[in-house]
N, C-alpha and C. Protein backbone atom coordinates (compact mmCIF):
# COMPACT_ATOMS: atom_id res chain seq x y z
N MET A 1 73.43 44.94 1.09
CA MET A 1 73.89 46.23 1.43
C MET A 1 73.75 47.11 0.16
N ALA A 2 73.11 48.26 0.42
CA ALA A 2 72.85 49.22 -0.69
C ALA A 2 74.17 49.93 -1.13
N THR A 3 74.33 50.05 -2.41
CA THR A 3 75.48 50.77 -2.93
C THR A 3 75.10 52.18 -3.16
N GLU A 4 75.88 53.13 -2.63
CA GLU A 4 75.57 54.54 -2.86
C GLU A 4 76.08 54.97 -4.21
N ILE A 5 75.30 55.61 -5.01
CA ILE A 5 75.68 56.07 -6.30
C ILE A 5 76.02 57.61 -6.17
N PRO A 6 77.30 57.97 -6.50
CA PRO A 6 77.68 59.35 -6.41
C PRO A 6 76.74 60.27 -7.24
N GLY A 7 76.32 61.37 -6.63
CA GLY A 7 75.46 62.35 -7.36
C GLY A 7 74.00 61.96 -7.40
N ARG A 8 73.68 60.84 -6.95
CA ARG A 8 72.28 60.36 -6.95
C ARG A 8 71.49 61.03 -5.78
N PRO A 9 70.40 61.65 -6.05
CA PRO A 9 69.65 62.20 -4.98
C PRO A 9 69.08 61.08 -4.04
N ASP A 10 68.80 61.49 -2.86
CA ASP A 10 68.19 60.52 -1.85
C ASP A 10 66.84 60.27 -2.31
N VAL A 11 66.48 59.02 -2.66
CA VAL A 11 65.14 58.67 -3.09
C VAL A 11 64.35 57.96 -2.05
N ASP A 12 64.95 57.77 -0.91
CA ASP A 12 64.25 57.14 0.17
C ASP A 12 63.18 58.09 0.64
N GLY A 13 62.05 57.59 1.04
CA GLY A 13 60.97 58.44 1.53
C GLY A 13 59.77 57.58 1.87
N PRO A 14 58.73 58.22 2.27
CA PRO A 14 57.55 57.44 2.64
C PRO A 14 57.02 56.61 1.44
N PRO A 15 56.65 55.38 1.69
CA PRO A 15 56.16 54.50 0.62
C PRO A 15 54.92 55.18 -0.11
N LEU A 16 54.11 55.91 0.62
CA LEU A 16 52.96 56.53 0.02
C LEU A 16 53.36 57.55 -1.07
N VAL A 17 54.45 58.21 -0.85
CA VAL A 17 54.93 59.19 -1.87
C VAL A 17 55.34 58.46 -3.10
N HIS A 18 56.02 57.32 -2.94
CA HIS A 18 56.43 56.54 -4.09
C HIS A 18 55.19 56.01 -4.84
N LEU A 19 54.16 55.64 -4.09
CA LEU A 19 53.00 55.08 -4.72
C LEU A 19 52.25 56.22 -5.47
N LEU A 20 52.27 57.44 -4.91
CA LEU A 20 51.68 58.58 -5.61
C LEU A 20 52.44 58.86 -6.94
N GLN A 21 53.70 58.77 -6.88
CA GLN A 21 54.49 58.95 -8.11
C GLN A 21 54.18 57.92 -9.12
N GLU A 22 54.07 56.65 -8.69
CA GLU A 22 53.73 55.56 -9.58
C GLU A 22 52.32 55.75 -10.14
N PHE A 23 51.40 56.12 -9.31
CA PHE A 23 50.05 56.44 -9.73
C PHE A 23 50.04 57.54 -10.84
N SER A 24 50.75 58.61 -10.57
CA SER A 24 50.86 59.69 -11.55
C SER A 24 51.38 59.21 -12.88
N LEU A 25 52.39 58.37 -12.83
CA LEU A 25 53.02 57.86 -14.04
C LEU A 25 52.02 56.92 -14.83
N GLU A 26 51.34 56.10 -14.09
CA GLU A 26 50.31 55.19 -14.72
C GLU A 26 49.17 55.95 -15.28
N ALA A 27 48.71 57.01 -14.55
CA ALA A 27 47.64 57.87 -15.06
C ALA A 27 48.03 58.48 -16.31
N ASN A 28 49.26 58.99 -16.38
CA ASN A 28 49.76 59.63 -17.58
C ASN A 28 49.85 58.62 -18.75
N ARG A 29 50.27 57.46 -18.44
CA ARG A 29 50.29 56.42 -19.50
C ARG A 29 48.90 56.11 -20.03
N TYR A 30 47.94 56.08 -19.16
CA TYR A 30 46.55 55.83 -19.58
C TYR A 30 46.08 56.94 -20.41
N VAL A 31 46.30 58.21 -20.06
CA VAL A 31 45.90 59.33 -20.85
C VAL A 31 46.56 59.29 -22.21
N ASP A 32 47.78 58.97 -22.26
CA ASP A 32 48.50 58.87 -23.52
C ASP A 32 47.92 57.80 -24.43
N ALA A 33 47.57 56.63 -23.78
CA ALA A 33 46.99 55.51 -24.57
C ALA A 33 45.59 55.89 -25.05
N ALA A 34 44.76 56.37 -24.19
CA ALA A 34 43.39 56.68 -24.50
C ALA A 34 43.34 57.81 -25.53
N GLY A 35 44.16 58.84 -25.30
CA GLY A 35 44.23 59.92 -26.25
C GLY A 35 44.75 59.51 -27.61
N GLY A 36 45.79 58.67 -27.61
CA GLY A 36 46.41 58.20 -28.82
C GLY A 36 45.40 57.44 -29.72
N ARG A 37 44.57 56.66 -29.06
CA ARG A 37 43.52 55.87 -29.82
C ARG A 37 42.55 56.80 -30.44
N ASN A 38 42.42 57.98 -29.92
CA ASN A 38 41.43 58.96 -30.45
C ASN A 38 42.06 60.17 -31.09
N ASP A 39 43.37 60.04 -31.52
CA ASP A 39 44.09 61.06 -32.17
C ASP A 39 44.03 62.41 -31.40
N MET A 40 44.17 62.28 -30.04
CA MET A 40 44.22 63.51 -29.20
C MET A 40 45.48 63.55 -28.42
N HIS A 41 46.08 64.67 -28.26
CA HIS A 41 47.24 64.87 -27.45
C HIS A 41 46.86 64.97 -25.98
N ARG A 42 47.79 64.72 -25.12
CA ARG A 42 47.55 64.84 -23.71
C ARG A 42 47.08 66.23 -23.40
N THR A 43 47.75 67.28 -24.03
CA THR A 43 47.35 68.66 -23.87
C THR A 43 45.89 68.92 -24.20
N ASP A 44 45.45 68.23 -25.28
CA ASP A 44 44.01 68.37 -25.66
C ASP A 44 43.14 67.89 -24.51
N LEU A 45 43.45 66.78 -24.02
CA LEU A 45 42.65 66.15 -22.89
C LEU A 45 42.73 67.05 -21.64
N ASN A 46 43.93 67.58 -21.37
CA ASN A 46 44.03 68.42 -20.23
C ASN A 46 43.18 69.71 -20.42
N ALA A 47 43.17 70.22 -21.67
CA ALA A 47 42.35 71.42 -21.91
C ALA A 47 40.92 71.11 -21.68
N LEU A 48 40.40 69.99 -22.22
CA LEU A 48 39.00 69.64 -21.98
C LEU A 48 38.71 69.50 -20.49
N SER A 49 39.61 68.94 -19.77
CA SER A 49 39.39 68.86 -18.31
C SER A 49 39.33 70.22 -17.65
N VAL A 50 40.15 71.16 -18.07
CA VAL A 50 40.07 72.52 -17.51
C VAL A 50 38.79 73.14 -17.83
N ILE A 51 38.33 73.03 -19.12
CA ILE A 51 37.06 73.58 -19.49
C ILE A 51 35.97 73.01 -18.74
N MET A 52 35.96 71.69 -18.56
CA MET A 52 34.93 71.01 -17.84
C MET A 52 34.86 71.48 -16.34
N GLN A 53 36.03 71.57 -15.76
CA GLN A 53 36.08 71.97 -14.37
C GLN A 53 35.52 73.39 -14.17
N HIS A 54 35.96 74.28 -15.00
CA HIS A 54 35.51 75.68 -14.92
C HIS A 54 34.01 75.77 -15.19
N THR A 55 33.56 75.05 -16.20
CA THR A 55 32.17 75.01 -16.58
C THR A 55 31.28 74.55 -15.34
N ALA A 56 31.77 73.51 -14.72
CA ALA A 56 31.02 72.96 -13.58
C ALA A 56 30.89 74.01 -12.42
N ARG A 57 31.85 74.93 -12.38
CA ARG A 57 31.82 75.98 -11.36
C ARG A 57 31.13 77.23 -11.87
N ASN A 58 30.54 77.15 -13.12
CA ASN A 58 29.87 78.23 -13.79
C ASN A 58 30.85 79.40 -13.99
N GLN A 59 32.09 79.08 -14.35
CA GLN A 59 33.15 80.07 -14.71
C GLN A 59 33.34 80.14 -16.17
N VAL A 60 33.58 81.33 -16.67
CA VAL A 60 33.84 81.56 -18.11
C VAL A 60 35.24 81.02 -18.44
N VAL A 61 35.35 80.29 -19.54
CA VAL A 61 36.69 79.79 -19.95
C VAL A 61 37.06 80.56 -21.22
N THR A 62 38.19 81.21 -21.19
CA THR A 62 38.68 81.94 -22.32
C THR A 62 40.03 81.35 -22.70
N PRO A 63 40.53 81.69 -23.88
CA PRO A 63 41.85 81.22 -24.25
C PRO A 63 42.93 81.55 -23.22
N GLY A 64 42.80 82.73 -22.61
CA GLY A 64 43.72 83.18 -21.51
C GLY A 64 43.70 82.20 -20.32
N VAL A 65 42.53 81.75 -19.96
CA VAL A 65 42.40 80.79 -18.84
C VAL A 65 43.17 79.54 -19.24
N LEU A 66 42.96 78.98 -20.42
CA LEU A 66 43.65 77.82 -20.85
C LEU A 66 45.13 78.06 -20.87
N ARG A 67 45.55 79.18 -21.40
CA ARG A 67 47.03 79.50 -21.44
C ARG A 67 47.67 79.46 -20.08
N ARG A 68 47.00 80.12 -19.14
CA ARG A 68 47.55 80.13 -17.77
C ARG A 68 47.52 78.76 -17.12
N GLU A 69 46.37 78.12 -17.18
CA GLU A 69 46.27 76.84 -16.45
C GLU A 69 47.15 75.75 -17.04
N LEU A 70 47.36 75.77 -18.38
CA LEU A 70 48.18 74.71 -18.94
C LEU A 70 49.67 75.17 -19.20
N HIS A 71 49.98 76.40 -18.82
CA HIS A 71 51.36 76.97 -18.96
C HIS A 71 51.75 76.90 -20.42
N LEU A 72 50.95 77.42 -21.29
CA LEU A 72 51.26 77.44 -22.77
C LEU A 72 51.52 78.86 -23.25
N SER A 73 52.26 78.95 -24.33
CA SER A 73 52.43 80.24 -24.96
C SER A 73 51.14 80.61 -25.70
N SER A 74 51.00 81.85 -26.11
CA SER A 74 49.83 82.28 -26.84
C SER A 74 49.67 81.48 -28.15
N PRO A 75 50.75 81.32 -28.97
CA PRO A 75 50.67 80.54 -30.21
C PRO A 75 50.31 79.07 -29.95
N ALA A 76 50.84 78.49 -28.86
CA ALA A 76 50.50 77.04 -28.56
C ALA A 76 49.02 76.97 -28.13
N THR A 77 48.58 77.96 -27.42
CA THR A 77 47.10 77.97 -26.99
C THR A 77 46.21 78.04 -28.22
N THR A 78 46.59 78.93 -29.16
CA THR A 78 45.79 79.07 -30.41
C THR A 78 45.79 77.74 -31.17
N ALA A 79 46.96 77.13 -31.29
CA ALA A 79 47.02 75.85 -32.01
C ALA A 79 46.12 74.78 -31.32
N LEU A 80 46.22 74.78 -30.00
CA LEU A 80 45.37 73.83 -29.24
C LEU A 80 43.87 74.02 -29.47
N ILE A 81 43.43 75.27 -29.37
CA ILE A 81 42.04 75.57 -29.57
C ILE A 81 41.63 75.25 -30.98
N ASP A 82 42.49 75.53 -31.95
CA ASP A 82 42.23 75.26 -33.32
C ASP A 82 41.99 73.74 -33.49
N ARG A 83 42.87 72.86 -32.89
CA ARG A 83 42.75 71.41 -32.93
C ARG A 83 41.40 70.98 -32.36
N LEU A 84 41.09 71.51 -31.18
CA LEU A 84 39.88 71.12 -30.51
C LEU A 84 38.62 71.56 -31.31
N ASP A 85 38.67 72.70 -31.89
CA ASP A 85 37.60 73.18 -32.68
C ASP A 85 37.44 72.32 -33.98
N LYS A 86 38.54 72.03 -34.65
CA LYS A 86 38.52 71.23 -35.81
C LYS A 86 37.98 69.83 -35.55
N SER A 87 38.33 69.26 -34.39
CA SER A 87 37.88 67.90 -34.04
C SER A 87 36.44 67.87 -33.53
N GLY A 88 35.83 69.04 -33.41
CA GLY A 88 34.44 69.15 -32.94
C GLY A 88 34.30 69.01 -31.46
N HIS A 89 35.34 69.23 -30.73
CA HIS A 89 35.27 69.13 -29.22
C HIS A 89 34.99 70.43 -28.48
N VAL A 90 35.28 71.51 -29.12
CA VAL A 90 35.15 72.86 -28.57
C VAL A 90 34.59 73.83 -29.61
N VAL A 91 33.78 74.74 -29.13
CA VAL A 91 33.34 75.86 -29.95
C VAL A 91 33.77 77.17 -29.34
N ARG A 92 34.04 78.12 -30.20
CA ARG A 92 34.38 79.50 -29.76
C ARG A 92 33.07 80.32 -29.78
N GLU A 93 32.73 80.97 -28.74
CA GLU A 93 31.59 81.83 -28.71
C GLU A 93 31.95 83.23 -28.22
N ARG A 94 31.22 84.23 -28.71
CA ARG A 94 31.37 85.56 -28.25
C ARG A 94 30.04 86.00 -27.63
N GLN A 95 30.09 86.24 -26.31
CA GLN A 95 28.86 86.59 -25.62
C GLN A 95 29.02 87.84 -24.79
N GLY A 96 27.89 88.33 -24.33
CA GLY A 96 27.94 89.48 -23.44
C GLY A 96 28.18 90.81 -24.16
N ALA A 97 28.32 91.85 -23.37
CA ALA A 97 28.51 93.22 -23.92
C ALA A 97 29.81 93.31 -24.74
N ASP A 98 30.82 92.69 -24.22
CA ASP A 98 32.18 92.78 -24.90
C ASP A 98 32.29 91.62 -25.81
N ARG A 99 31.93 91.85 -27.12
CA ARG A 99 31.94 90.81 -28.14
C ARG A 99 33.37 90.42 -28.53
N ARG A 100 34.37 91.11 -28.02
CA ARG A 100 35.74 90.78 -28.38
C ARG A 100 36.26 89.52 -27.59
N GLN A 101 35.68 89.28 -26.40
CA GLN A 101 36.17 88.15 -25.60
C GLN A 101 35.60 86.86 -26.14
N VAL A 102 36.53 85.93 -26.42
CA VAL A 102 36.13 84.56 -26.89
C VAL A 102 36.01 83.72 -25.72
N GLN A 103 34.85 82.99 -25.70
CA GLN A 103 34.59 82.04 -24.66
C GLN A 103 34.60 80.66 -25.26
N LEU A 104 35.12 79.66 -24.53
CA LEU A 104 35.23 78.29 -25.03
C LEU A 104 34.18 77.41 -24.38
N ARG A 105 33.57 76.62 -25.17
CA ARG A 105 32.57 75.69 -24.66
C ARG A 105 32.81 74.30 -25.22
N MET A 106 32.67 73.30 -24.37
CA MET A 106 32.76 71.90 -24.85
C MET A 106 31.44 71.55 -25.60
N THR A 107 31.58 70.72 -26.57
CA THR A 107 30.39 70.26 -27.35
C THR A 107 29.93 68.95 -26.77
N PRO A 108 28.73 68.53 -27.16
CA PRO A 108 28.22 67.19 -26.74
C PRO A 108 29.20 66.11 -27.16
N LYS A 109 29.79 66.30 -28.38
CA LYS A 109 30.76 65.23 -28.89
C LYS A 109 31.94 65.15 -27.92
N ALA A 110 32.35 66.22 -27.34
CA ALA A 110 33.51 66.22 -26.35
C ALA A 110 33.13 65.36 -25.12
N TYR A 111 31.89 65.59 -24.67
CA TYR A 111 31.45 64.83 -23.48
C TYR A 111 31.31 63.32 -23.81
N ARG A 112 30.78 63.01 -24.99
CA ARG A 112 30.62 61.65 -25.42
C ARG A 112 31.95 60.98 -25.60
N ASP A 113 32.90 61.65 -26.33
CA ASP A 113 34.20 61.05 -26.54
C ASP A 113 34.95 60.88 -25.24
N GLY A 114 34.92 61.91 -24.43
CA GLY A 114 35.63 61.84 -23.08
C GLY A 114 35.06 60.68 -22.28
N GLY A 115 33.80 60.54 -22.24
CA GLY A 115 33.17 59.48 -21.47
C GLY A 115 33.63 58.12 -21.99
N ALA A 116 33.69 57.96 -23.29
CA ALA A 116 34.03 56.68 -23.93
C ALA A 116 35.59 56.44 -23.61
N MET A 117 36.40 57.48 -23.65
CA MET A 117 37.87 57.27 -23.44
C MET A 117 38.13 56.88 -22.01
N PHE A 118 37.36 57.46 -21.10
CA PHE A 118 37.72 57.31 -19.66
C PHE A 118 36.79 56.32 -18.94
N LEU A 119 35.84 55.71 -19.68
CA LEU A 119 34.96 54.65 -19.10
C LEU A 119 35.75 53.46 -18.55
N PRO A 120 36.68 52.92 -19.29
CA PRO A 120 37.43 51.76 -18.76
C PRO A 120 38.20 52.09 -17.45
N LEU A 121 38.77 53.31 -17.36
CA LEU A 121 39.45 53.67 -16.18
C LEU A 121 38.47 53.88 -15.03
N ALA A 122 37.30 54.49 -15.31
CA ALA A 122 36.32 54.70 -14.26
C ALA A 122 35.77 53.31 -13.81
N ARG A 123 35.59 52.43 -14.68
CA ARG A 123 35.08 51.08 -14.30
C ARG A 123 36.05 50.34 -13.44
N HIS A 124 37.32 50.34 -13.81
CA HIS A 124 38.36 49.65 -12.99
C HIS A 124 38.58 50.33 -11.65
N MET A 125 38.48 51.64 -11.61
CA MET A 125 38.66 52.36 -10.34
C MET A 125 37.44 52.06 -9.44
N ALA A 126 36.28 52.09 -9.95
CA ALA A 126 35.08 51.81 -9.21
C ALA A 126 35.11 50.43 -8.58
N ALA A 127 35.60 49.45 -9.36
CA ALA A 127 35.72 48.08 -8.85
C ALA A 127 36.78 48.04 -7.69
N ALA A 128 37.89 48.77 -7.90
CA ALA A 128 38.88 48.79 -6.85
C ALA A 128 38.36 49.43 -5.57
N LEU A 129 37.56 50.47 -5.67
CA LEU A 129 37.02 51.20 -4.51
C LEU A 129 36.04 50.32 -3.71
N GLU A 130 35.46 49.30 -4.31
CA GLU A 130 34.43 48.46 -3.66
C GLU A 130 35.03 47.76 -2.42
N SER A 131 36.31 47.54 -2.44
CA SER A 131 36.91 46.78 -1.34
C SER A 131 37.24 47.61 -0.15
N PHE A 132 36.90 48.89 -0.16
CA PHE A 132 37.18 49.78 0.96
C PHE A 132 35.91 50.16 1.69
N THR A 133 36.03 50.38 2.98
CA THR A 133 34.87 50.82 3.81
C THR A 133 34.69 52.30 3.54
N PRO A 134 33.51 52.85 3.89
CA PRO A 134 33.34 54.29 3.79
C PRO A 134 34.33 55.08 4.63
N GLU A 135 34.71 54.56 5.79
CA GLU A 135 35.65 55.21 6.64
C GLU A 135 37.02 55.26 6.00
N GLU A 136 37.43 54.15 5.40
CA GLU A 136 38.71 54.12 4.71
C GLU A 136 38.74 55.11 3.59
N LEU A 137 37.65 55.17 2.80
CA LEU A 137 37.55 56.12 1.71
C LEU A 137 37.60 57.57 2.20
N GLU A 138 37.03 57.82 3.35
CA GLU A 138 37.11 59.16 3.85
C GLU A 138 38.50 59.54 4.17
N VAL A 139 39.26 58.62 4.78
CA VAL A 139 40.69 58.94 5.12
C VAL A 139 41.45 59.07 3.78
N ALA A 140 41.22 58.23 2.85
CA ALA A 140 41.89 58.33 1.52
C ALA A 140 41.60 59.64 0.85
N THR A 141 40.35 60.10 0.95
CA THR A 141 39.95 61.36 0.36
C THR A 141 40.67 62.50 1.04
N ARG A 142 40.72 62.48 2.34
CA ARG A 142 41.45 63.56 3.05
C ARG A 142 42.97 63.56 2.65
N PHE A 143 43.49 62.35 2.56
CA PHE A 143 44.92 62.22 2.17
C PHE A 143 45.17 62.82 0.75
N MET A 144 44.33 62.36 -0.18
CA MET A 144 44.53 62.86 -1.59
C MET A 144 44.27 64.34 -1.67
N THR A 145 43.35 64.86 -0.94
CA THR A 145 43.13 66.34 -0.94
C THR A 145 44.39 67.05 -0.40
N ALA A 146 44.96 66.56 0.66
CA ALA A 146 46.17 67.12 1.24
C ALA A 146 47.31 67.03 0.25
N MET A 147 47.43 65.91 -0.43
CA MET A 147 48.54 65.74 -1.40
C MET A 147 48.42 66.70 -2.62
N ILE A 148 47.17 66.88 -3.06
CA ILE A 148 46.92 67.80 -4.17
C ILE A 148 47.28 69.21 -3.72
N GLU A 149 46.80 69.59 -2.55
CA GLU A 149 47.13 70.94 -2.03
C GLU A 149 48.62 71.15 -1.87
N ALA A 150 49.33 70.10 -1.38
CA ALA A 150 50.77 70.24 -1.20
C ALA A 150 51.48 70.37 -2.57
N THR A 151 50.93 69.60 -3.58
CA THR A 151 51.53 69.70 -4.93
C THR A 151 51.31 71.06 -5.55
N VAL A 152 50.11 71.65 -5.31
CA VAL A 152 49.83 72.96 -5.85
C VAL A 152 50.80 73.98 -5.19
N ARG A 153 50.96 73.89 -3.86
CA ARG A 153 51.87 74.83 -3.22
C ARG A 153 53.32 74.67 -3.70
N ALA A 154 53.74 73.41 -3.91
CA ALA A 154 55.07 73.18 -4.42
C ALA A 154 55.30 73.72 -5.83
N GLY A 155 54.20 73.55 -6.64
CA GLY A 155 54.25 74.14 -8.06
C GLY A 155 54.37 75.58 -8.00
N GLU A 156 53.59 76.25 -7.11
CA GLU A 156 53.63 77.73 -7.02
C GLU A 156 55.03 78.17 -6.60
N GLU A 157 55.65 77.44 -5.67
CA GLU A 157 56.95 77.74 -5.19
C GLU A 157 58.03 77.54 -6.32
N ALA A 158 57.84 76.44 -7.04
CA ALA A 158 58.74 76.21 -8.16
C ALA A 158 58.64 77.23 -9.28
N ALA A 159 57.47 77.78 -9.48
CA ALA A 159 57.20 78.78 -10.49
C ALA A 159 57.65 80.19 -10.14
N ALA A 160 57.81 80.42 -8.81
CA ALA A 160 58.19 81.79 -8.29
C ALA A 160 59.61 82.03 -8.72
N PRO A 161 59.88 83.34 -8.91
CA PRO A 161 61.23 83.77 -9.28
C PRO A 161 62.20 83.44 -8.19
N ALA A 162 63.36 82.97 -8.55
CA ALA A 162 64.36 82.64 -7.54
C ALA A 162 64.82 83.87 -6.81
N GLY A 163 64.88 83.70 -5.46
CA GLY A 163 65.34 84.76 -4.61
C GLY A 163 66.86 84.89 -4.61
N PRO A 164 67.34 85.81 -3.85
CA PRO A 164 68.83 85.93 -3.76
C PRO A 164 69.43 84.62 -3.19
N ALA A 165 70.67 84.35 -3.57
CA ALA A 165 71.31 83.16 -3.09
C ALA A 165 71.51 83.24 -1.61
N ASP A 166 71.44 82.05 -0.96
CA ASP A 166 71.64 81.96 0.48
C ASP A 166 73.16 82.23 0.72
N PRO A 167 73.50 83.21 1.54
CA PRO A 167 74.88 83.60 1.77
C PRO A 167 75.64 82.55 2.64
N ARG A 168 74.97 81.59 3.18
CA ARG A 168 75.64 80.65 4.11
C ARG A 168 76.67 79.88 3.40
């Protein structure tokens, strides 16, 4: 018989949600371990991921983009870019007609280091995926896409200013 703990939120829910939470925790632990071995903070790795994603979509990455995507203050963003520049992972460039706008680009070193850091994870994940059929992977892909979209919506809701209190 389960003992109810006063003040404890209800943690019962779909097992898949619990597995997603556990996956997120383990992924964070991996990033911390891989980054730590390479003297990089989780924020550094997240910044490189943001730059890589935007670059893949042919989008310009500026300090403002990093600040917004990583929810950092301007001074924290500057410190982050300084670290990535000093480590040789990012360069600042000024291009186009407006030479005031700084654009961030990953260096070949960033791609090499990132590949080396995440190769063990990619190798183990690839091996785990081999036991699934293409149809199962299609369902899993749809599921993960829906969970990511739900998480984005929840994050937007959590970031929105609080409305008036419910008078009920």
